[in-house]
Amino acid sequence: MYEYAIAWEWLAFAARWFHVVTAIAWIGSSFYFIALDLGLVKRPHLPVGAYGEEWQVHGGGFYHIQKYLVAPAQMPEHLTWFKYESYFTWLSGFLMLCIVYYGGADLFLIDRHVLDIGPSTAILISLASLAGGWLVYDLLCKSPLGRNTWGLMVVLYAVLVFMAWGYTQVFTGRAAFLHLGAFTATIMSANVFMIIIPNQKIVVADLIAGRTPDPKYGQIAKQRSLHNNYLTLPVIFFMLSNHYPLAFGTAFNWVIAALVFLMGVTIRHWFNTTHARKGRPTWTWIATVILFILIMWLSTVPKVLTGEKDADAAAVAPAFQQFAGDAHFPAVKQLVGTRCSMCHAAEPVYEDLARPPKNVILENDAEIAAHAREIYIQAGRSHAMPPGNVTDITLDERKLLVAWYESAVEGKQQ
């Protein structure tokens, strides 16, 4: 039933809302504790085992915070654990992946001109890459290489660049960037669930039992936390990138992804150094701006230089027969050509548009049929498109889009 499309859209919105809220909580607490940890001051009056302290003011009061590098002499009466923010961020993100990319695999996940595979195969590749990525990362951290923090990070960067290239050889550009964010976020959340929290529980158990905790557990957790620190900003970029085709919809999208990881390092290095009171390395911002300008250039390299070919729209429109064969379609095609194609064209004629919004092109029957659901939701059931109704689409024309989609859906069910 056509009501399914509306319910599915609201489910996606609810999942996205949940994901954003939990991500804010996780990233906010993570950034706070990183700044707190780097800003600790060692003073002679600290209790035995305390590494440093800091005074903070917020909300009309003062906070006196002390950190024990391994553990205090005895177990406190109450502990506040910071873990559920991470868990629910990953779970809600995976839910979004299932709703949007697995549920809409033919449109959002698969590009048959990149790799001709079916939805089930694509979903299995997606799941395997997320699980396999964590296993490879964890093995590298536990290998002899893991004793060299910066050497390990260089190798991990090479792995991330390889995954960026690999995803673009399998999925659509949008899905490739989303998966790169999910791949990285899986590592980050698994660090919390599989390493950091279990190690802290071992320390707590030792305190309860009256044993002296082994400092190695804290050192291991600290290394994983450092990785999460430098991966956070790239993950946010990739999660936002699906709104910006200039990032994912270009021939050099995997190179852009590689540079985004470097920008994450340069930005976080400035904040980490500043919080640690070791100066303000302005060179990091210069490097970040240079990297960003390079990304902008890569996103606009002409197709004639890259050998990139336009896709055959009919091959990527599995819904062609259903929607292009409906009786309303000739009028819909004329309507879309009048009200939508000035922006949603390979070469938009609307002022200041270099590429079609979200890389959606509506110039022929197959392309219109492939995006039938989005047209129905965005311009039929809602007034989201055109933005500000700049092309003066009428209420009767919106009703035509609704009638077309619902008629086609009902026709398929009969």
Protein backbone atom coordinates (compact mmCIF):
# COMPACT_ATOMS: atom_id res chain seq x y z
CA MET A 1 0.00 0.00 0.00
CA TYR A 2 1.11 3.57 -0.66
CA GLU A 3 0.66 4.36 3.08
CA TYR A 4 3.73 2.19 3.57
CA ALA A 5 5.92 4.85 1.94
CA ILE A 6 4.69 7.52 4.37
CA ALA A 7 5.08 5.27 7.41
CA TRP A 8 8.57 4.27 6.25
CA GLU A 9 9.52 7.92 5.82
CA TRP A 10 8.43 8.74 9.37
CA LEU A 11 10.24 5.69 10.71
CA ALA A 12 13.41 6.92 9.01
CA PHE A 13 12.88 10.38 10.53
CA ALA A 14 12.39 8.90 14.03
CA ALA A 15 15.52 6.78 13.69
CA ARG A 16 17.53 9.76 12.42
CA TRP A 17 16.30 11.92 15.31
CA PHE A 18 17.23 9.23 17.82
CA HIS A 19 20.62 8.82 16.16
CA VAL A 20 21.41 12.54 16.24
CA VAL A 21 20.40 12.88 19.90
CA THR A 22 22.51 9.94 21.05
CA ALA A 23 25.43 11.05 18.87
CA ILE A 24 25.36 14.50 20.44
CA ALA A 25 25.43 12.90 23.90
CA TRP A 26 28.33 10.59 22.99
CA ILE A 27 30.43 13.14 21.14
CA GLY A 28 29.72 15.82 23.75
CA SER A 29 30.83 13.67 26.67
CA SER A 30 33.82 12.40 24.68
CA PHE A 31 35.03 15.91 23.83
CA TYR A 32 34.48 17.03 27.41
CA PHE A 33 36.55 14.24 28.92
CA ILE A 34 39.31 14.66 26.36
CA ALA A 35 39.58 18.36 27.23
CA LEU A 36 39.39 17.52 30.95
CA ASP A 37 42.05 14.84 30.72
CA LEU A 38 44.47 17.04 28.79
CA GLY A 39 43.90 19.98 31.14
CA LEU A 40 44.70 18.15 34.39
CA VAL A 41 47.33 19.79 36.59
CA LYS A 42 49.69 17.86 38.86
CA ARG A 43 49.97 19.39 42.32
CA PRO A 44 51.91 18.20 45.42
CA HIS A 45 48.86 18.01 47.71
CA LEU A 46 47.03 15.40 45.62
CA PRO A 47 46.00 12.12 47.29
CA VAL A 48 48.10 9.00 46.74
CA GLY A 49 47.45 7.61 43.27
CA ALA A 50 45.89 10.80 41.90
CA TYR A 51 47.36 11.88 38.58
CA GLY A 52 46.07 15.45 38.42
CA GLU A 53 43.21 17.78 39.17
CA GLU A 54 41.27 20.65 37.66
CA TRP A 55 38.85 23.29 38.88
CA GLN A 56 35.91 24.15 36.63
CA VAL A 57 32.97 26.52 36.90
CA HIS A 58 29.58 25.87 35.34
CA GLY A 59 25.91 26.31 36.14
CA GLY A 60 26.48 28.64 39.07
CA GLY A 61 28.91 26.38 40.93
CA PHE A 62 32.46 25.10 41.09
CA TYR A 63 33.65 21.59 40.33
CA HIS A 64 36.82 20.10 41.79
CA ILE A 65 37.85 17.10 39.69
CA GLN A 66 40.66 14.66 40.40
CA LYS A 67 41.77 11.81 38.17
CA TYR A 68 43.35 8.56 39.31
CA LEU A 69 45.49 7.17 36.54
CA VAL A 70 44.96 3.54 37.57
CA ALA A 71 42.44 3.53 40.42
CA PRO A 72 41.84 5.04 43.89
CA ALA A 73 42.89 3.14 46.98
CA GLN A 74 39.37 1.89 47.56
CA MET A 75 36.15 1.52 45.64
CA PRO A 76 33.94 4.67 45.66
CA GLU A 77 30.34 4.31 46.83
CA HIS A 78 28.97 5.37 43.45
CA LEU A 79 30.33 5.35 39.91
CA THR A 80 28.82 7.04 36.86
CA TRP A 81 29.56 5.04 33.72
CA PHE A 82 29.73 6.71 30.32
CA LYS A 83 28.88 3.95 27.87
CA TYR A 84 25.24 3.95 26.84
CA GLU A 85 25.71 7.06 24.69
CA SER A 86 28.10 5.06 22.53
CA TYR A 87 25.95 1.94 22.39
CA PHE A 88 22.75 3.72 21.40
CA THR A 89 24.53 5.89 18.86
CA TRP A 90 25.74 2.79 17.05
CA LEU A 91 22.43 0.94 17.36
CA SER A 92 20.41 3.90 16.05
CA GLY A 93 22.93 4.43 13.25
CA PHE A 94 22.66 0.77 12.24
CA LEU A 95 18.87 1.12 12.31
CA MET A 96 19.19 4.04 9.90
CA LEU A 97 21.44 1.95 7.66
CA CYS A 98 18.81 -0.80 7.58
CA ILE A 99 15.89 1.55 6.90
CA VAL A 100 17.45 3.74 4.22
CA TYR A 101 20.17 1.69 2.54
CA TYR A 102 19.09 -1.91 3.07
CA GLY A 103 15.38 -1.14 2.67
CA GLY A 104 16.10 0.98 -0.42
CA ALA A 105 19.06 -1.00 -1.72
CA ASP A 106 18.13 -0.74 -5.42
CA LEU A 107 18.12 3.05 -5.30
CA PHE A 108 20.54 4.08 -2.54
CA LEU A 109 22.98 1.17 -2.06
CA ILE A 110 23.60 -0.35 -5.49
CA ASP A 111 25.06 1.30 -8.56
CA ARG A 112 25.04 -1.37 -11.27
CA HIS A 113 27.53 0.65 -13.29
CA VAL A 114 29.97 0.37 -10.40
CA LEU A 115 29.30 -3.29 -9.59
CA ASP A 116 26.42 -5.34 -10.95
CA ILE A 117 25.18 -7.11 -7.82
CA GLY A 118 21.79 -7.77 -6.24
CA PRO A 119 20.45 -6.25 -3.01
CA SER A 120 21.13 -9.36 -0.91
CA THR A 121 24.76 -9.54 -2.03
CA ALA A 122 25.25 -5.83 -1.39
CA ILE A 123 23.78 -6.10 2.11
CA LEU A 124 26.01 -9.08 2.94
CA ILE A 125 29.08 -7.17 1.74
CA SER A 126 28.01 -4.24 3.92
CA LEU A 127 27.57 -6.36 7.05
CA ALA A 128 30.78 -8.31 6.45
CA SER A 129 32.81 -5.12 5.99
CA LEU A 130 31.60 -3.66 9.29
CA ALA A 131 32.31 -6.81 11.27
CA GLY A 132 35.55 -7.59 9.43
CA GLY A 133 36.79 -4.04 9.88
CA TRP A 134 36.58 -4.30 13.65
CA LEU A 135 38.36 -7.69 13.65
CA VAL A 136 41.25 -6.38 11.53
CA TYR A 137 41.54 -3.22 13.61
CA ASP A 138 41.49 -5.15 16.90
CA LEU A 139 44.14 -7.59 15.68
CA LEU A 140 46.41 -4.71 14.65
CA CYS A 141 46.02 -3.07 18.05
CA LYS A 142 46.86 -6.34 19.84
CA SER A 143 49.81 -7.11 17.55
CA PRO A 144 53.41 -5.97 18.27
CA LEU A 145 52.63 -2.94 16.10
CA GLY A 146 50.14 -1.86 18.75
CA ARG A 147 53.00 -0.92 21.11
CA ASN A 148 53.93 1.93 18.76
CA THR A 149 50.98 4.34 19.02
CA TRP A 150 51.84 6.59 16.10
CA GLY A 151 53.10 3.77 13.88
CA LEU A 152 49.83 1.98 14.50
CA MET A 153 47.84 5.09 13.56
CA VAL A 154 49.70 5.35 10.24
CA VAL A 155 48.81 1.75 9.41
CA LEU A 156 45.21 2.33 10.49
CA TYR A 157 45.06 5.37 8.21
CA ALA A 158 46.20 3.18 5.31
CA VAL A 159 43.41 0.72 6.17
CA LEU A 160 40.84 3.53 6.17
CA VAL A 161 42.04 4.83 2.80
CA PHE A 162 41.84 1.30 1.38
CA MET A 163 38.27 0.96 2.68
CA ALA A 164 37.37 4.33 1.17
CA TRP A 165 38.58 3.11 -2.22
CA GLY A 166 36.97 -0.30 -1.75
CA TYR A 167 33.54 1.03 -0.87
CA THR A 168 33.50 3.26 -3.96
CA GLN A 169 34.19 0.15 -6.08
CA VAL A 170 31.09 -1.59 -4.71
CA PHE A 171 28.37 0.91 -3.75
CA THR A 172 26.91 4.20 -4.90
CA GLY A 173 28.98 7.25 -3.94
CA ARG A 174 26.47 8.22 -1.26
CA ALA A 175 26.42 4.71 0.22
CA ALA A 176 30.22 4.47 0.05
CA PHE A 177 30.65 7.56 2.22
CA LEU A 178 27.90 6.48 4.59
CA HIS A 179 29.55 3.06 4.95
CA LEU A 180 32.92 4.62 5.58
CA GLY A 181 31.35 6.56 8.44
CA ALA A 182 29.63 3.40 9.71
CA PHE A 183 32.89 1.42 9.40
CA THR A 184 34.72 4.01 11.50
CA ALA A 185 31.88 4.41 14.00
CA THR A 186 31.73 0.63 14.45
CA ILE A 187 35.39 0.63 15.44
CA MET A 188 34.80 3.51 17.86
CA SER A 189 31.74 1.99 19.52
CA ALA A 190 33.33 -1.48 19.66
CA ASN A 191 36.32 0.10 21.38
CA VAL A 192 33.98 1.23 24.13
CA PHE A 193 31.96 -2.00 24.30
CA MET A 194 34.76 -4.55 23.79
CA ILE A 195 37.82 -2.88 25.34
CA ILE A 196 37.37 0.30 27.38
CA ILE A 197 34.39 -0.67 29.55
CA PRO A 198 35.51 -4.31 30.11
CA ASN A 199 38.96 -3.08 31.17
CA GLN A 200 37.39 -0.62 33.58
CA LYS A 201 35.24 -3.40 35.02
CA ILE A 202 38.36 -5.49 35.65
CA VAL A 203 39.84 -2.59 37.61
CA VAL A 204 36.61 -2.17 39.59
CA ALA A 205 36.53 -5.91 40.37
CA ASP A 206 40.14 -5.74 41.61
CA LEU A 207 39.28 -2.83 43.91
CA ILE A 208 36.27 -4.66 45.35
CA ALA A 209 38.42 -7.74 45.95
CA GLY A 210 41.15 -5.69 47.62
CA ARG A 211 43.69 -6.31 44.83
CA THR A 212 45.95 -3.71 43.27
CA PRO A 213 44.70 -3.13 39.69
CA ASP A 214 47.12 -3.77 36.84
CA PRO A 215 47.90 -0.44 35.08
CA LYS A 216 48.00 -2.16 31.66
CA TYR A 217 44.20 -2.15 31.45
CA GLY A 218 44.10 1.61 31.72
CA GLN A 219 46.90 1.99 29.17
CA ILE A 220 45.09 -0.18 26.64
CA ALA A 221 41.84 1.72 27.14
CA LYS A 222 43.72 5.01 26.80
CA GLN A 223 45.11 4.00 23.39
CA ARG A 224 41.66 3.07 22.09
CA SER A 225 40.25 6.32 23.46
CA LEU A 226 42.97 8.22 21.57
CA HIS A 227 41.89 6.54 18.33
CA ASN A 228 38.27 7.49 18.99
CA ASN A 229 39.41 11.06 19.60
CA TYR A 230 40.94 11.42 16.13
CA LEU A 231 38.17 9.52 14.31
CA THR A 232 35.21 11.52 15.63
CA LEU A 233 35.29 14.49 13.23
CA PRO A 234 35.65 12.39 10.04
CA VAL A 235 32.69 10.26 11.13
CA ILE A 236 30.55 13.39 11.47
CA PHE A 237 31.65 14.54 8.00
CA PHE A 238 30.70 11.23 6.39
CA MET A 239 27.33 11.13 8.14
CA LEU A 240 26.54 14.62 6.83
CA SER A 241 27.98 14.00 3.36
CA ASN A 242 24.84 12.34 1.99
CA HIS A 243 23.36 15.85 1.68
CA TYR A 244 26.29 17.08 -0.46
CA PRO A 245 26.82 15.30 -3.80
CA LEU A 246 29.98 17.33 -4.45
CA ALA A 247 31.60 15.22 -1.72
CA PHE A 248 30.49 11.71 -2.72
CA GLY A 249 29.33 12.02 -6.34
CA THR A 250 32.69 12.62 -8.00
CA ALA A 251 35.38 10.50 -9.63
CA PHE A 252 37.84 11.23 -6.80
CA ASN A 253 35.44 10.63 -3.92
CA TRP A 254 37.72 8.11 -2.23
CA VAL A 255 40.62 10.58 -2.36
CA ILE A 256 38.35 13.19 -0.80
CA ALA A 257 37.56 10.70 1.98
CA ALA A 258 41.28 10.14 2.59
CA LEU A 259 41.83 13.88 2.93
CA VAL A 260 38.88 14.18 5.32
CA PHE A 261 40.63 11.79 7.71
CA LEU A 262 43.71 14.02 7.60
CA MET A 263 41.58 17.08 8.35
CA GLY A 264 40.22 15.25 11.38
CA VAL A 265 43.78 14.82 12.63
CA THR A 266 44.85 18.43 12.07
CA ILE A 267 41.74 19.89 13.75
CA ARG A 268 41.86 17.55 16.73
CA HIS A 269 45.61 18.17 17.13
CA TRP A 270 44.94 21.87 17.60
CA PHE A 271 42.31 21.28 20.25
CA ASN A 272 44.33 18.58 22.01
CA THR A 273 47.44 20.77 22.14
CA THR A 274 45.44 23.76 23.33
CA HIS A 275 43.64 21.81 26.06
CA ALA A 276 46.98 20.42 27.23
CA ARG A 277 48.28 24.00 27.56
CA LYS A 278 51.13 23.30 25.15
CA GLY A 279 50.50 26.24 22.87
CA ARG A 280 48.23 26.97 19.92
CA PRO A 281 49.65 25.38 16.76
CA THR A 282 48.13 27.63 14.11
CA TRP A 283 49.82 25.59 11.36
CA THR A 284 47.11 22.97 11.84
CA TRP A 285 44.43 25.40 10.63
CA ILE A 286 46.55 26.39 7.65
CA ALA A 287 46.94 22.71 6.78
CA THR A 288 43.20 22.14 7.24
CA VAL A 289 42.30 25.00 4.89
CA ILE A 290 44.74 23.71 2.26
CA LEU A 291 43.25 20.22 2.51
CA PHE A 292 39.73 21.61 2.23
CA ILE A 293 40.60 23.67 -0.84
CA LEU A 294 42.11 20.55 -2.40
CA ILE A 295 38.89 18.67 -1.66
CA MET A 296 36.87 21.44 -3.30
CA TRP A 297 39.04 21.21 -6.41
CA LEU A 298 38.80 17.42 -6.58
CA SER A 299 35.00 17.64 -6.37
CA THR A 300 34.83 19.73 -9.55
CA VAL A 301 37.37 18.00 -11.80
CA PRO A 302 35.70 17.74 -15.22
CA LYS A 303 34.54 14.32 -16.37
CA VAL A 304 36.60 14.69 -19.54
CA LEU A 305 39.77 14.47 -17.40
CA THR A 306 38.62 11.49 -15.34
CA GLY A 307 37.06 9.31 -18.04
CA GLU A 308 33.89 9.10 -15.97
CA LYS A 309 30.89 8.11 -18.08
CA ASP A 310 27.25 8.98 -17.64
CA ALA A 311 25.09 6.12 -16.42
CA ASP A 312 22.43 4.51 -18.57
CA ALA A 313 19.37 5.56 -16.62
CA ALA A 314 17.24 2.60 -17.75
CA ALA A 315 19.69 0.18 -16.15
CA VAL A 316 19.29 1.78 -12.73
CA ALA A 317 15.52 2.04 -12.68
CA PRO A 318 14.05 -1.27 -11.44
CA ALA A 319 10.69 0.47 -10.93
CA PHE A 320 10.52 1.61 -14.55
CA GLN A 321 7.66 -0.63 -15.70
CA GLN A 322 5.59 0.04 -12.60
CA PHE A 323 5.70 3.84 -12.61
CA ALA A 324 6.44 4.73 -16.25
CA GLY A 325 3.63 2.43 -17.37
CA ASP A 326 0.95 4.13 -15.27
CA ALA A 327 -1.76 6.09 -17.11
CA HIS A 328 -0.85 9.29 -15.25
CA PHE A 329 2.78 9.14 -16.32
CA PRO A 330 2.67 11.29 -19.51
CA ALA A 331 1.22 14.20 -17.51
CA VAL A 332 3.68 13.57 -14.67
CA LYS A 333 6.60 13.56 -17.09
CA GLN A 334 5.53 16.91 -18.49
CA LEU A 335 5.03 18.27 -14.97
CA VAL A 336 8.48 17.15 -13.80
CA GLY A 337 10.05 18.59 -16.93
CA THR A 338 8.41 21.93 -16.23
CA ARG A 339 8.76 22.18 -12.44
CA CYS A 340 11.75 20.03 -11.47
CA SER A 341 14.28 19.50 -14.25
CA MET A 342 15.69 23.02 -14.13
CA CYS A 343 17.55 21.88 -11.00
CA HIS A 344 17.43 18.09 -11.33
CA ALA A 345 19.36 17.89 -14.59
CA ALA A 346 22.83 16.71 -15.49
CA GLU A 347 23.63 20.37 -16.12
CA PRO A 348 21.20 22.44 -14.01
CA VAL A 349 20.07 25.73 -15.51
CA TYR A 350 19.02 27.16 -12.15
CA GLU A 351 21.35 29.94 -10.99
CA ASP A 352 24.36 28.94 -8.81
CA LEU A 353 23.74 25.18 -9.09
CA ALA A 354 26.82 23.34 -10.34
CA ARG A 355 25.30 19.87 -9.81
CA PRO A 356 21.76 18.56 -9.31
CA PRO A 357 20.68 18.53 -5.63
CA LYS A 358 21.56 15.22 -3.99
CA ASN A 359 22.72 14.10 -7.44
CA VAL A 360 19.09 13.38 -8.39
CA ILE A 361 18.53 13.73 -12.16
CA LEU A 362 14.99 13.74 -13.60
CA GLU A 363 15.46 14.12 -17.34
CA ASN A 364 13.97 10.93 -18.77
CA ASP A 365 11.34 8.28 -18.10
CA ALA A 366 13.66 5.89 -16.29
CA GLU A 367 15.06 8.55 -13.97
CA ILE A 368 11.62 9.82 -13.05
CA ALA A 369 10.38 6.28 -12.39
CA ALA A 370 13.45 5.45 -10.29
CA HIS A 371 12.73 8.43 -8.01
CA ALA A 372 8.96 7.99 -7.90
CA ARG A 373 8.81 7.54 -4.13
CA GLU A 374 10.96 10.61 -3.46
CA ILE A 375 8.86 12.72 -5.86
CA TYR A 376 5.70 11.49 -4.12
CA ILE A 377 6.98 12.34 -0.63
CA GLN A 378 8.87 15.54 -1.41
CA ALA A 379 6.55 17.22 -3.93
CA GLY A 380 3.26 15.34 -3.62
CA ARG A 381 2.50 14.55 -0.01
CA SER A 382 4.62 17.45 1.28
CA HIS A 383 5.59 20.84 -0.13
CA ALA A 384 9.32 20.38 0.47
CA MET A 385 10.02 20.54 -3.25
CA PRO A 386 10.55 22.78 -5.08
CA PRO A 387 12.28 24.82 -2.33
CA GLY A 388 10.20 27.91 -1.64
CA ASN A 389 8.00 26.71 -4.52
CA VAL A 390 10.26 28.68 -6.85
CA THR A 391 8.71 27.03 -9.92
CA ASP A 392 5.12 27.77 -8.79
CA ILE A 393 3.87 24.19 -8.68
CA THR A 394 0.12 24.22 -8.03
CA LEU A 395 -1.96 22.16 -5.60
CA ASP A 396 -3.60 20.36 -8.53
CA GLU A 397 -0.16 19.39 -9.85
CA ARG A 398 0.78 18.04 -6.44
CA LYS A 399 -2.45 16.02 -6.43
CA LEU A 400 -1.43 14.61 -9.82
CA LEU A 401 1.89 13.37 -8.37
CA VAL A 402 0.01 11.74 -5.49
CA ALA A 403 -2.51 10.10 -7.82
CA TRP A 404 0.28 8.82 -10.08
CA TYR A 405 2.30 7.18 -7.29
CA GLU A 406 -0.67 5.70 -5.46
CA SER A 407 -2.21 4.43 -8.68
CA ALA A 408 1.04 2.71 -9.68
CA VAL A 409 1.46 1.12 -6.26
CA GLU A 410 -2.10 -0.11 -6.13
CA GLY A 411 -1.80 -1.42 -9.69
CA LYS A 412 1.20 -3.55 -8.72
CA GLN A 413 -0.72 -5.09 -5.83
CA GLN A 414 -3.66 -6.14 -7.97
